[in-house]
Amino acid sequence: MKDFETAQNYFYTLICDGMGSGREAAFTSRLAAIFIEKLMHCATPKNVTLEMLNAFLMSKTDETFTTVDLLEIDLLSGEAHFIKAGAAASYVLRGERLHRIESHTPPAGILRSMCAEQTTFRLLPGDFVILLSDGAETGEDGALIRLLTERNFENAALLCDRIFSLARESGEGRDDLSVSVVRVMNSK
C-alpha cells in the first residue's frame, strides 16, 4: 500500500495485491506499487503507467499477476478517480450513505493489454474513502457493510483499525490484509 502526492496537485492511495501468497506475491505487490508511484511522480498518464506495468509483468518468465486499486484525488476540485484492475470493491462513506465502487476486470499481468476500469466520483468534506484488498473483505454476511453504516467514525485511523479487527475476526488469516482509509477534509 502506498500514499503519495504529486507536484500536479493530485493525491494517490494505492493497493497492489500480488496473486498467490508468500514472498513472490509480496514482492510483486511491492514492485508494482513502487513502479506506479515512480511513474505517477513523473506525470506519466495513468493509462500509460498501467500499460507499462502490465507489459513488465507479462515479460517475466514466471506467471506474475497483481491487482491494482488506485485512487486519484484532484486536490483542487475534489474529483476522485477509482482505477481498478482485479481489485476488491471500494467504498465512499458519506454520513450514513455508503457508495460501493467496483469493477470486474482481471488483474494486471494476465492479458496482453491492460484491462482497468475507471469510475469518477465527486468527493465532499467529511467523506471517508475505503480501499481494501480481498483479504480484508469479510464475506457475504454483510459484516463490513454493517460496520460502515452503523457507526459514526471520528477519524480515518479508527475506521481502519475497526476494518482490520473485523477482517481478522471473521477471516482465516490465509490472505494478506491491506486497508487504506482516507478522510476528505475542507482545505479552509
C-alpha atoms as a PDB file:
ATOM      1  CA  MET A   1       0.000   0.000   0.000  1.00  0.00           C
ATOM      2  CA  LYS A   2       1.253   3.479  -0.857  1.00  0.00           C
ATOM      3  CA  ASP A   3       0.036   7.037  -0.312  1.00  0.00           C
ATOM      4  CA  PHE A   4       1.671   9.920  -2.141  1.00  0.00           C
ATOM      5  CA  GLU A   5       1.092  13.367  -3.650  1.00  0.00           C
ATOM      6  CA  THR A   6       2.452  14.712  -6.909  1.00  0.00           C
ATOM      7  CA  ALA A   7       3.527  18.192  -7.938  1.00  0.00           C
ATOM      8  CA  GLN A   8       0.451  18.327 -10.182  1.00  0.00           C
ATOM      9  CA  ASN A   9      -1.837  18.610  -7.083  1.00  0.00           C
ATOM     10  CA  TYR A  10      -3.018  15.007  -7.031  1.00  0.00           C
ATOM     11  CA  PHE A  11      -3.170  12.713  -4.019  1.00  0.00           C
ATOM     12  CA  TYR A  12      -2.945   8.961  -4.583  1.00  0.00           C
ATOM     13  CA  THR A  13      -3.549   5.934  -2.454  1.00  0.00           C
ATOM     14  CA  LEU A  14      -2.754   2.573  -3.957  1.00  0.00           C
ATOM     15  CA  ILE A  15      -3.160  -1.074  -3.054  1.00  0.00           C
ATOM     16  CA  CYS A  16      -1.481  -3.724  -5.192  1.00  0.00           C
ATOM     17  CA  ASP A  17      -2.148  -7.306  -4.147  1.00  0.00           C
ATOM     18  CA  GLY A  18       0.092  -9.930  -5.740  1.00  0.00           C
ATOM     19  CA  MET A  19      -1.768 -13.090  -6.654  1.00  0.00           C
ATOM     20  CA  GLY A  20      -0.945 -16.085  -4.523  1.00  0.00           C
ATOM     21  CA  SER A  21       0.839 -15.948  -1.215  1.00  0.00           C
ATOM     22  CA  GLY A  22       4.288 -15.844   0.243  1.00  0.00           C
ATOM     23  CA  ARG A  23       7.384 -13.964  -0.776  1.00  0.00           C
ATOM     24  CA  GLU A  24       6.733 -13.900  -4.520  1.00  0.00           C
ATOM     25  CA  ALA A  25       3.259 -12.370  -4.102  1.00  0.00           C
ATOM     26  CA  ALA A  26       4.580  -9.825  -1.584  1.00  0.00           C
ATOM     27  CA  PHE A  27       7.469  -8.942  -3.893  1.00  0.00           C
ATOM     28  CA  THR A  28       5.108  -8.486  -6.863  1.00  0.00           C
ATOM     29  CA  SER A  29       2.796  -6.252  -4.790  1.00  0.00           C
ATOM     30  CA  ARG A  30       5.623  -4.041  -3.611  1.00  0.00           C
ATOM     31  CA  LEU A  31       7.278  -3.850  -7.027  1.00  0.00           C
ATOM     32  CA  ALA A  32       4.007  -2.881  -8.735  1.00  0.00           C
ATOM     33  CA  ALA A  33       3.259  -0.181  -6.150  1.00  0.00           C
ATOM     34  CA  ILE A  34       6.733   1.353  -6.474  1.00  0.00           C
ATOM     35  CA  PHE A  35       6.541   1.151 -10.277  1.00  0.00           C
ATOM     36  CA  ILE A  36       3.206   3.006 -10.343  1.00  0.00           C
ATOM     37  CA  GLU A  37       4.301   5.617  -7.789  1.00  0.00           C
ATOM     38  CA  LYS A  38       7.515   6.477  -9.654  1.00  0.00           C
ATOM     39  CA  LEU A  39       5.759   6.879 -12.991  1.00  0.00           C
ATOM     40  CA  MET A  40       2.927   8.950 -11.498  1.00  0.00           C
ATOM     41  CA  HIS A  41       5.516  11.305  -9.960  1.00  0.00           C
ATOM     42  CA  CYS A  42       6.866  11.827 -13.491  1.00  0.00           C
ATOM     43  CA  ALA A  43       3.365  12.896 -14.641  1.00  0.00           C
ATOM     44  CA  THR A  44       3.047   9.797 -16.809  1.00  0.00           C
ATOM     45  CA  PRO A  45      -0.631   9.361 -17.798  1.00  0.00           C
ATOM     46  CA  LYS A  46      -2.424   6.664 -15.788  1.00  0.00           C
ATOM     47  CA  ASN A  47      -3.255   4.547 -18.823  1.00  0.00           C
ATOM     48  CA  VAL A  48       0.383   4.575 -19.975  1.00  0.00           C
ATOM     49  CA  THR A  49       1.607   3.733 -16.459  1.00  0.00           C
ATOM     50  CA  LEU A  50      -0.749   0.767 -16.231  1.00  0.00           C
ATOM     51  CA  GLU A  51       0.116  -0.478 -19.740  1.00  0.00           C
ATOM     52  CA  MET A  52       3.818  -0.310 -18.858  1.00  0.00           C
ATOM     53  CA  LEU A  53       3.219  -2.223 -15.614  1.00  0.00           C
ATOM     54  CA  ASN A  54       1.243  -4.849 -17.495  1.00  0.00           C
ATOM     55  CA  ALA A  55       3.972  -5.221 -20.145  1.00  0.00           C
ATOM     56  CA  PHE A  56       6.596  -5.570 -17.419  1.00  0.00           C
ATOM     57  CA  LEU A  57       4.614  -8.298 -15.622  1.00  0.00           C
ATOM     58  CA  MET A  58       3.958 -10.114 -18.920  1.00  0.00           C
ATOM     59  CA  SER A  59       7.695 -10.100 -19.708  1.00  0.00           C
ATOM     60  CA  LYS A  60       8.593 -12.125 -16.628  1.00  0.00           C
ATOM     61  CA  THR A  61       9.307 -15.810 -17.195  1.00  0.00           C
ATOM     62  CA  ASP A  62       7.005 -16.953 -14.404  1.00  0.00           C
ATOM     63  CA  GLU A  63       3.310 -16.084 -14.096  1.00  0.00           C
ATOM     64  CA  THR A  64       3.142 -12.848 -12.156  1.00  0.00           C
ATOM     65  CA  PHE A  65      -0.163 -11.068 -11.545  1.00  0.00           C
ATOM     66  CA  THR A  66      -1.273  -8.281  -9.242  1.00  0.00           C
ATOM     67  CA  THR A  67      -4.460  -6.403  -8.590  1.00  0.00           C
ATOM     68  CA  VAL A  68      -4.285  -2.637  -8.895  1.00  0.00           C
ATOM     69  CA  ASP A  69      -6.560  -0.393  -6.842  1.00  0.00           C
ATOM     70  CA  LEU A  70      -5.568   3.216  -7.458  1.00  0.00           C
ATOM     71  CA  LEU A  71      -7.427   6.206  -6.052  1.00  0.00           C
ATOM     72  CA  GLU A  72      -6.531   9.562  -7.594  1.00  0.00           C
ATOM     73  CA  ILE A  73      -7.927  12.701  -5.939  1.00  0.00           C
ATOM     74  CA  ASP A  74      -7.628  16.094  -7.602  1.00  0.00           C
ATOM     75  CA  LEU A  75      -6.752  18.278  -4.605  1.00  0.00           C
ATOM     76  CA  LEU A  76      -8.131  21.394  -6.291  1.00  0.00           C
ATOM     77  CA  SER A  77     -11.535  20.117  -7.443  1.00  0.00           C
ATOM     78  CA  GLY A  78     -12.222  17.177  -5.107  1.00  0.00           C
ATOM     79  CA  GLU A  79     -12.877  14.887  -8.049  1.00  0.00           C
ATOM     80  CA  ALA A  80     -11.785  11.311  -7.450  1.00  0.00           C
ATOM     81  CA  HIS A  81     -10.918   8.618  -9.967  1.00  0.00           C
ATOM     82  CA  PHE A  82     -11.015   4.988  -8.883  1.00  0.00           C
ATOM     83  CA  ILE A  83      -8.867   2.913 -11.248  1.00  0.00           C
ATOM     84  CA  LYS A  84      -9.331  -0.817 -10.699  1.00  0.00           C
ATOM     85  CA  ALA A  85      -7.816  -3.934 -12.244  1.00  0.00           C
ATOM     86  CA  GLY A  86      -8.869  -7.113 -10.464  1.00  0.00           C
ATOM     87  CA  ALA A  87      -9.296  -5.196  -7.205  1.00  0.00           C
ATOM     88  CA  ALA A  88     -11.856  -5.671  -4.449  1.00  0.00           C
ATOM     89  CA  ALA A  89     -14.711  -3.182  -4.127  1.00  0.00           C
ATOM     90  CA  SER A  90     -14.017   0.251  -2.657  1.00  0.00           C
ATOM     91  CA  TYR A  91     -16.417   2.381  -0.664  1.00  0.00           C
ATOM     92  CA  VAL A  92     -17.234   6.038  -0.121  1.00  0.00           C
ATOM     93  CA  LEU A  93     -18.933   6.671   3.221  1.00  0.00           C
ATOM     94  CA  ARG A  94     -20.801   9.981   3.253  1.00  0.00           C
ATOM     95  CA  GLY A  95     -22.662  10.411   6.514  1.00  0.00           C
ATOM     96  CA  GLU A  96     -24.989   7.416   6.669  1.00  0.00           C
ATOM     97  CA  ARG A  97     -24.852   6.718   2.917  1.00  0.00           C
ATOM     98  CA  LEU A  98     -22.476   4.119   1.577  1.00  0.00           C
ATOM     99  CA  HIS A  99     -21.438   4.074  -2.085  1.00  0.00           C
ATOM    100  CA  ARG A 100     -19.806   0.932  -3.499  1.00  0.00           C
ATOM    101  CA  ILE A 101     -17.328   1.241  -6.357  1.00  0.00           C
ATOM    102  CA  GLU A 102     -16.409  -1.984  -8.084  1.00  0.00           C
ATOM    103  CA  SER A 103     -15.018  -3.334 -11.295  1.00  0.00           C
ATOM    104  CA  HIS A 104     -14.989  -6.776 -12.854  1.00  0.00           C
ATOM    105  CA  THR A 105     -11.650  -6.628 -14.623  1.00  0.00           C
ATOM    106  CA  PRO A 106      -8.731  -9.058 -14.430  1.00  0.00           C
ATOM    107  CA  PRO A 107      -5.522  -8.295 -12.511  1.00  0.00           C
ATOM    108  CA  ALA A 108      -2.505  -6.784 -14.261  1.00  0.00           C
ATOM    109  CA  GLY A 109      -0.201  -9.286 -15.966  1.00  0.00           C
ATOM    110  CA  ILE A 110      -2.870 -11.726 -17.173  1.00  0.00           C
ATOM    111  CA  LEU A 111      -3.852 -10.281 -20.565  1.00  0.00           C
ATOM    112  CA  ARG A 112      -1.536  -8.797 -23.203  1.00  0.00           C
ATOM    113  CA  SER A 113      -3.327  -5.465 -22.918  1.00  0.00           C
ATOM    114  CA  MET A 114      -4.121  -3.834 -19.578  1.00  0.00           C
ATOM    115  CA  CYS A 115      -7.789  -4.002 -18.684  1.00  0.00           C
ATOM    116  CA  ALA A 116      -8.651  -1.462 -15.976  1.00  0.00           C
ATOM    117  CA  GLU A 117     -11.870   0.371 -15.279  1.00  0.00           C
ATOM    118  CA  GLN A 118     -12.120   3.966 -14.096  1.00  0.00           C
ATOM    119  CA  THR A 119     -15.007   5.383 -12.059  1.00  0.00           C
ATOM    120  CA  THR A 120     -15.260   9.097 -11.308  1.00  0.00           C
ATOM    121  CA  PHE A 121     -16.789  10.330  -8.054  1.00  0.00           C
ATOM    122  CA  ARG A 122     -17.100  13.840  -6.607  1.00  0.00           C
ATOM    123  CA  LEU A 123     -15.834  13.821  -3.012  1.00  0.00           C
ATOM    124  CA  LEU A 124     -17.070  16.188  -0.299  1.00  0.00           C
ATOM    125  CA  PRO A 125     -15.518  17.260   3.022  1.00  0.00           C
ATOM    126  CA  GLY A 126     -16.232  14.614   5.653  1.00  0.00           C
ATOM    127  CA  ASP A 127     -16.316  11.696   3.202  1.00  0.00           C
ATOM    128  CA  PHE A 128     -14.359   8.563   4.038  1.00  0.00           C
ATOM    129  CA  VAL A 129     -12.873   6.598   1.122  1.00  0.00           C
ATOM    130  CA  ILE A 130     -12.081   2.948   1.862  1.00  0.00           C
ATOM    131  CA  LEU A 131      -9.882   0.758  -0.336  1.00  0.00           C
ATOM    132  CA  LEU A 132      -9.132  -2.822   0.706  1.00  0.00           C
ATOM    133  CA  SER A 133      -7.576  -5.986  -0.570  1.00  0.00           C
ATOM    134  CA  ASP A 134      -9.638  -9.121  -0.970  1.00  0.00           C
ATOM    135  CA  GLY A 135      -8.077 -10.446   2.246  1.00  0.00           C
ATOM    136  CA  ALA A 136      -9.839  -7.651   4.146  1.00  0.00           C
ATOM    137  CA  GLU A 137     -13.261  -8.438   2.706  1.00  0.00           C
ATOM    138  CA  THR A 138     -15.436 -10.093   5.307  1.00  0.00           C
ATOM    139  CA  GLY A 139     -17.508 -12.446   3.202  1.00  0.00           C
ATOM    140  CA  GLU A 140     -21.119 -12.354   2.119  1.00  0.00           C
ATOM    141  CA  ASP A 141     -22.653 -11.947   5.573  1.00  0.00           C
ATOM    142  CA  GLY A 142     -22.606  -8.152   5.277  1.00  0.00           C
ATOM    143  CA  ALA A 143     -20.444  -7.554   8.366  1.00  0.00           C
ATOM    144  CA  LEU A 144     -18.330  -4.906   6.637  1.00  0.00           C
ATOM    145  CA  ILE A 145     -21.397  -3.076   5.336  1.00  0.00           C
ATOM    146  CA  ARG A 146     -22.936  -3.101   8.822  1.00  0.00           C
ATOM    147  CA  LEU A 147     -19.702  -1.799  10.318  1.00  0.00           C
ATOM    148  CA  LEU A 148     -19.519   1.048   7.827  1.00  0.00           C
ATOM    149  CA  THR A 149     -23.148   2.111   8.085  1.00  0.00           C
ATOM    150  CA  GLU A 150     -23.994   1.526  11.745  1.00  0.00           C
ATOM    151  CA  ARG A 151     -21.272   3.581  13.364  1.00  0.00           C
ATOM    152  CA  ASN A 152     -20.044   7.143  13.278  1.00  0.00           C
ATOM    153  CA  PHE A 153     -16.294   7.372  12.945  1.00  0.00           C
ATOM    154  CA  GLU A 154     -14.282  10.324  14.158  1.00  0.00           C
ATOM    155  CA  ASN A 155     -11.203   9.707  12.053  1.00  0.00           C
ATOM    156  CA  ALA A 156      -9.692   7.517   9.357  1.00  0.00           C
ATOM    157  CA  ALA A 157      -7.315   5.683  11.716  1.00  0.00           C
ATOM    158  CA  LEU A 158     -10.178   4.473  13.927  1.00  0.00           C
ATOM    159  CA  LEU A 159     -12.169   3.261  10.930  1.00  0.00           C
ATOM    160  CA  CYS A 160      -9.101   1.493   9.525  1.00  0.00           C
ATOM    161  CA  ASP A 161      -8.483  -0.255  12.875  1.00  0.00           C
ATOM    162  CA  ARG A 162     -12.108  -1.444  13.019  1.00  0.00           C
ATOM    163  CA  ILE A 163     -11.953  -2.862   9.493  1.00  0.00           C
ATOM    164  CA  PHE A 164      -8.727  -4.723  10.326  1.00  0.00           C
ATOM    165  CA  SER A 165     -10.243  -6.113  13.526  1.00  0.00           C
ATOM    166  CA  LEU A 166     -13.353  -7.271  11.718  1.00  0.00           C
ATOM    167  CA  ALA A 167     -11.305  -8.935   8.958  1.00  0.00           C
ATOM    168  CA  ARG A 168      -9.096 -10.726  11.492  1.00  0.00           C
ATOM    169  CA  GLU A 169     -12.121 -11.923  13.498  1.00  0.00           C
ATOM    170  CA  SER A 170     -14.027 -13.247  10.515  1.00  0.00           C
ATOM    171  CA  GLY A 171     -11.132 -14.430   8.332  1.00  0.00           C
ATOM    172  CA  GLU A 172      -8.981 -17.473   8.428  1.00  0.00           C
ATOM    173  CA  GLY A 173      -5.766 -15.465   8.213  1.00  0.00           C
ATOM    174  CA  ARG A 174      -4.917 -17.066   4.893  1.00  0.00           C
ATOM    175  CA  ASP A 175      -4.535 -13.877   2.880  1.00  0.00           C
ATOM    176  CA  ASP A 176      -2.830 -10.520   3.258  1.00  0.00           C
ATOM    177  CA  LEU A 177      -4.847  -7.669   4.742  1.00  0.00           C
ATOM    178  CA  SER A 178      -4.448  -4.234   3.187  1.00  0.00           C
ATOM    179  CA  VAL A 179      -6.720  -1.327   4.034  1.00  0.00           C
ATOM    180  CA  SER A 180      -6.453   2.339   3.124  1.00  0.00           C
ATOM    181  CA  VAL A 181      -8.894   4.828   4.626  1.00  0.00           C
ATOM    182  CA  VAL A 182      -8.805   8.457   3.530  1.00  0.00           C
ATOM    183  CA  ARG A 183     -10.928  11.188   5.076  1.00  0.00           C
ATOM    184  CA  VAL A 184     -11.615  14.220   2.933  1.00  0.00           C
ATOM    185  CA  MET A 185     -11.055  17.441   4.822  1.00  0.00           C
ATOM    186  CA  ASN A 186     -12.006  21.000   3.991  1.00  0.00           C
ATOM    187  CA  SER A 187      -8.914  22.919   2.891  1.00  0.00           C
ATOM    188  CA  LYS A 188     -10.025  26.162   4.549  1.00  0.00           C
END
